[in-house]
Amino acid sequence: MGGTPALFGKLHSADLQEVTIDIFALYATKDKAGSDSAAYMNRLTIPFNIYTKGAARTVVPMSEPLAVTFPNGFRTNCYRLDTPDHLTLVQTPPVTSASFRIAFDQKWSTAALVSLVRSGLWKLLGQKVRQSILYNPGQGAAHEVVVQIEGRDQRGVRIRRQVEISDPNGQTIQAQRILAGEGQSRYTRHLFSGKLGRIASR
């Protein structure tokens, strides 16, 4: 994924003020991924900081679920995960708040991981056991991402936008290819204004 969702968040919030960017990623259990794709598993017991309106707040991994519908129609709860996006996004105006949440494409997998982390059992498991649970690459599966953006325009009107990214090749999402319309990757931008609902789609 390589920071591509964060890049799209920046691209589509550049004309706004006091921006909040929330990234939601659907982790495919059959993704054709390298072993580094599960590197986050060693940080699932470590609290981390997120920024809300420019103020730091400490949270724990796999907490504070939010329900999201991904481009493929799959709706599920996503949970907090520590990624560099929490820090890099808020370092450049106009972003003042940022978060990253993740879920698996099989709800039972998400529920099992949440249970292991919250119960403290995950902390007791060895590296090999953790890897066997989270790293089981398959023949490939689509990678789905939703980026929700909220801010205010120059007139102070609240604007909401949603960027949906889907790549059938899994974690090969590359911003340059998507923007150029190359390959099978695709993204859709939905525009909202205030609480009026969707007003345009591109």
Protein backbone atom coordinates (compact mmCIF):
# COMPACT_ATOMS: atom_id res chain seq x y z
CA MET A 1 0.00 0.00 0.00
CA GLY A 2 3.00 2.22 0.63
CA GLY A 3 1.30 5.46 1.78
CA THR A 4 -0.88 5.74 -1.33
CA PRO A 5 -4.15 6.28 0.64
CA ALA A 6 -2.50 9.12 2.59
CA LEU A 7 -1.35 10.69 -0.67
CA PHE A 8 -4.89 10.62 -2.04
CA GLY A 9 -6.08 12.18 1.21
CA LYS A 10 -3.66 15.06 0.73
CA LEU A 11 -4.54 15.51 -2.94
CA HIS A 12 -8.26 15.81 -2.25
CA SER A 13 -7.98 18.07 0.81
CA ALA A 14 -5.51 20.66 -0.49
CA ASP A 15 -8.24 23.27 -1.01
CA LEU A 16 -9.78 22.83 2.46
CA GLN A 17 -9.02 24.05 5.99
CA GLU A 18 -8.95 22.24 9.36
CA VAL A 19 -8.94 18.87 7.63
CA THR A 20 -9.59 15.46 9.16
CA ILE A 21 -8.45 12.41 7.19
CA ASP A 22 -9.61 8.92 8.19
CA ILE A 23 -8.15 5.96 6.30
CA PHE A 24 -9.76 2.51 6.32
CA ALA A 25 -8.00 -0.49 4.76
CA LEU A 26 -9.43 -3.94 4.12
CA TYR A 27 -6.69 -6.56 4.58
CA ALA A 28 -7.27 -9.52 2.28
CA THR A 29 -6.42 -12.82 3.96
CA LYS A 30 -5.55 -14.31 0.55
CA ASP A 31 -3.47 -11.36 -0.59
CA LYS A 32 -0.33 -12.20 -2.54
CA ALA A 33 1.82 -10.17 -0.15
CA GLY A 34 5.38 -10.21 1.08
CA SER A 35 6.27 -11.01 4.68
CA ASP A 36 6.76 -7.31 5.45
CA SER A 37 3.03 -6.78 4.96
CA ALA A 38 2.44 -8.26 8.42
CA ALA A 39 5.24 -6.31 10.11
CA TYR A 40 2.66 -4.34 12.08
CA MET A 41 1.85 -7.45 14.14
CA ASN A 42 4.69 -6.69 16.55
CA ARG A 43 3.16 -3.30 17.39
CA LEU A 44 -0.32 -4.51 18.26
CA THR A 45 0.38 -4.27 22.00
CA ILE A 46 2.03 -0.84 21.94
CA PRO A 47 -0.06 2.33 22.55
CA PHE A 48 0.52 5.14 20.07
CA ASN A 49 -0.41 8.78 19.53
CA ILE A 50 -2.94 10.13 17.11
CA TYR A 51 -3.69 13.80 16.48
CA THR A 52 -7.12 15.38 16.74
CA LYS A 53 -7.39 19.09 15.96
CA GLY A 54 -3.64 19.25 16.36
CA ALA A 55 -3.64 17.76 19.89
CA ALA A 56 -2.03 14.40 20.62
CA ARG A 57 -4.03 11.60 22.21
CA THR A 58 -2.78 8.15 23.17
CA VAL A 59 -4.80 5.17 21.93
CA VAL A 60 -4.29 1.42 21.82
CA PRO A 61 -4.28 -0.82 18.72
CA MET A 62 -7.47 -2.62 17.65
CA SER A 63 -9.71 -0.19 19.55
CA GLU A 64 -12.47 2.35 18.80
CA PRO A 65 -14.16 0.53 15.91
CA LEU A 66 -15.97 2.36 13.11
CA ALA A 67 -18.19 0.67 10.53
CA VAL A 68 -17.23 1.28 6.91
CA THR A 69 -18.51 0.04 3.54
CA PHE A 70 -15.69 -0.75 1.12
CA PRO A 71 -15.85 -0.40 -2.69
CA ASN A 72 -16.75 -4.08 -3.08
CA GLY A 73 -19.84 -3.59 -0.88
CA PHE A 74 -18.37 -5.36 2.15
CA ARG A 75 -19.36 -3.54 5.37
CA THR A 76 -17.49 -4.22 8.59
CA ASN A 77 -15.98 -2.65 11.70
CA CYS A 78 -12.46 -1.27 11.33
CA TYR A 79 -10.04 -0.85 14.23
CA ARG A 80 -7.17 1.49 15.00
CA LEU A 81 -3.72 0.52 13.78
CA ASP A 82 -0.41 2.32 14.24
CA THR A 83 1.00 3.53 10.92
CA PRO A 84 3.28 6.44 9.93
CA ASP A 85 0.24 8.21 8.44
CA HIS A 86 -0.78 9.44 11.90
CA LEU A 87 2.34 11.59 12.02
CA THR A 88 3.10 12.40 8.38
CA LEU A 89 -0.38 13.64 7.48
CA VAL A 90 -0.60 16.22 10.27
CA GLN A 91 2.87 17.61 9.62
CA THR A 92 1.60 19.52 6.59
CA PRO A 93 -1.33 21.96 6.68
CA PRO A 94 -4.26 21.88 6.29
CA VAL A 95 -4.52 18.44 7.99
CA THR A 96 -5.05 18.69 11.76
CA SER A 97 -6.48 15.22 12.46
CA ALA A 98 -5.61 11.80 11.04
CA SER A 99 -6.36 8.16 11.75
CA PHE A 100 -5.86 4.73 10.20
CA ARG A 101 -8.07 1.70 10.78
CA ILE A 102 -7.96 -1.83 9.43
CA ALA A 103 -10.19 -4.88 9.08
CA PHE A 104 -9.90 -8.30 7.48
CA ASP A 105 -12.10 -9.44 4.62
CA GLN A 106 -13.33 -12.24 6.89
CA LYS A 107 -15.16 -10.85 9.91
CA TRP A 108 -14.21 -13.77 12.13
CA SER A 109 -10.53 -13.02 11.51
CA THR A 110 -10.98 -9.43 12.64
CA ALA A 111 -12.95 -10.51 15.71
CA ALA A 112 -10.32 -13.11 16.62
CA LEU A 113 -7.45 -10.63 16.38
CA VAL A 114 -9.32 -8.02 18.42
CA SER A 115 -9.99 -10.64 21.10
CA LEU A 116 -6.35 -11.76 21.20
CA VAL A 117 -5.05 -8.21 21.50
CA ARG A 118 -7.56 -7.00 24.10
CA SER A 119 -7.19 -10.10 26.27
CA GLY A 120 -3.41 -9.73 26.42
CA LEU A 121 -2.84 -13.13 24.82
CA TRP A 122 -1.26 -11.57 21.74
CA LYS A 123 1.55 -10.21 23.90
CA LEU A 124 2.33 -13.73 25.13
CA LEU A 125 2.55 -15.29 21.68
CA GLY A 126 5.93 -15.77 20.03
CA GLN A 127 6.99 -14.23 16.73
CA LYS A 128 6.44 -17.42 14.72
CA VAL A 129 2.96 -17.97 16.12
CA ARG A 130 1.96 -14.38 15.41
CA GLN A 131 3.25 -14.65 11.86
CA SER A 132 1.41 -17.92 11.27
CA ILE A 133 -1.83 -16.21 12.29
CA LEU A 134 -1.49 -13.06 10.18
CA TYR A 135 0.78 -14.04 7.31
CA ASN A 136 -0.84 -16.63 5.07
CA PRO A 137 -0.38 -15.32 1.51
CA GLY A 138 -2.59 -16.79 -1.15
CA GLN A 139 -3.04 -16.51 -4.90
CA GLY A 140 -4.07 -12.89 -4.61
CA ALA A 141 -7.11 -10.83 -3.67
CA ALA A 142 -8.36 -7.32 -4.27
CA HIS A 143 -7.17 -4.57 -1.98
CA GLU A 144 -9.86 -2.13 -0.85
CA VAL A 145 -9.33 1.28 0.76
CA VAL A 146 -11.65 4.09 1.81
CA VAL A 147 -10.33 7.57 2.60
CA GLN A 148 -12.78 9.91 4.31
CA ILE A 149 -11.99 13.63 4.31
CA GLU A 150 -13.71 16.43 6.17
CA GLY A 151 -12.82 20.11 6.29
CA ARG A 152 -14.09 23.60 5.57
CA ASP A 153 -13.87 25.58 2.37
CA GLN A 154 -12.89 29.25 2.09
CA ARG A 155 -16.44 30.28 3.04
CA GLY A 156 -16.45 28.11 6.16
CA VAL A 157 -18.86 25.54 4.72
CA ARG A 158 -18.22 22.02 5.92
CA ILE A 159 -17.16 19.73 3.07
CA ARG A 160 -17.00 15.94 3.18
CA ARG A 161 -15.30 13.81 0.56
CA GLN A 162 -14.76 10.09 0.22
CA VAL A 163 -12.14 8.47 -1.97
CA GLU A 164 -12.56 4.75 -2.70
CA ILE A 165 -9.60 2.79 -4.04
CA SER A 166 -9.73 -0.76 -5.35
CA ASP A 167 -6.88 -2.78 -6.81
CA PRO A 168 -7.53 -6.38 -7.94
CA ASN A 169 -3.81 -7.13 -7.66
CA GLY A 170 -3.78 -6.66 -3.91
CA GLN A 171 -1.16 -4.56 -2.17
CA THR A 172 0.25 -3.25 -5.43
CA ILE A 173 -1.65 0.01 -5.19
CA GLN A 174 0.45 2.74 -6.78
CA ALA A 175 -0.83 6.30 -6.91
CA GLN A 176 0.81 7.15 -10.23
CA ARG A 177 -0.79 4.18 -12.01
CA ILE A 178 -4.21 4.85 -10.53
CA LEU A 179 -4.21 8.55 -11.45
CA ALA A 180 -3.02 7.70 -14.96
CA GLY A 181 -5.77 5.11 -15.36
CA GLU A 182 -3.25 2.36 -16.01
CA GLY A 183 -3.87 -1.31 -15.29
CA GLN A 184 -6.96 -2.49 -13.43
CA SER A 185 -6.65 -0.21 -10.40
CA ARG A 186 -9.44 2.28 -9.98
CA TYR A 187 -10.61 4.96 -7.63
CA THR A 188 -13.80 6.93 -7.17
CA ARG A 189 -14.26 10.28 -5.50
CA HIS A 190 -17.57 11.20 -3.87
CA LEU A 191 -18.25 14.82 -2.96
CA PHE A 192 -20.50 15.91 -0.09
CA SER A 193 -21.49 19.29 1.24
CA GLY A 194 -22.63 19.78 4.82
CA LYS A 195 -25.24 17.17 5.73
CA LEU A 196 -26.97 17.23 2.36
CA GLY A 197 -25.63 13.88 1.20
CA ARG A 198 -23.74 13.03 -1.94
CA ILE A 199 -23.93 15.71 -4.60
CA ALA A 200 -21.46 14.46 -7.17
CA SER A 201 -19.39 11.47 -8.11
CA ARG A 202 -16.31 11.35 -10.31
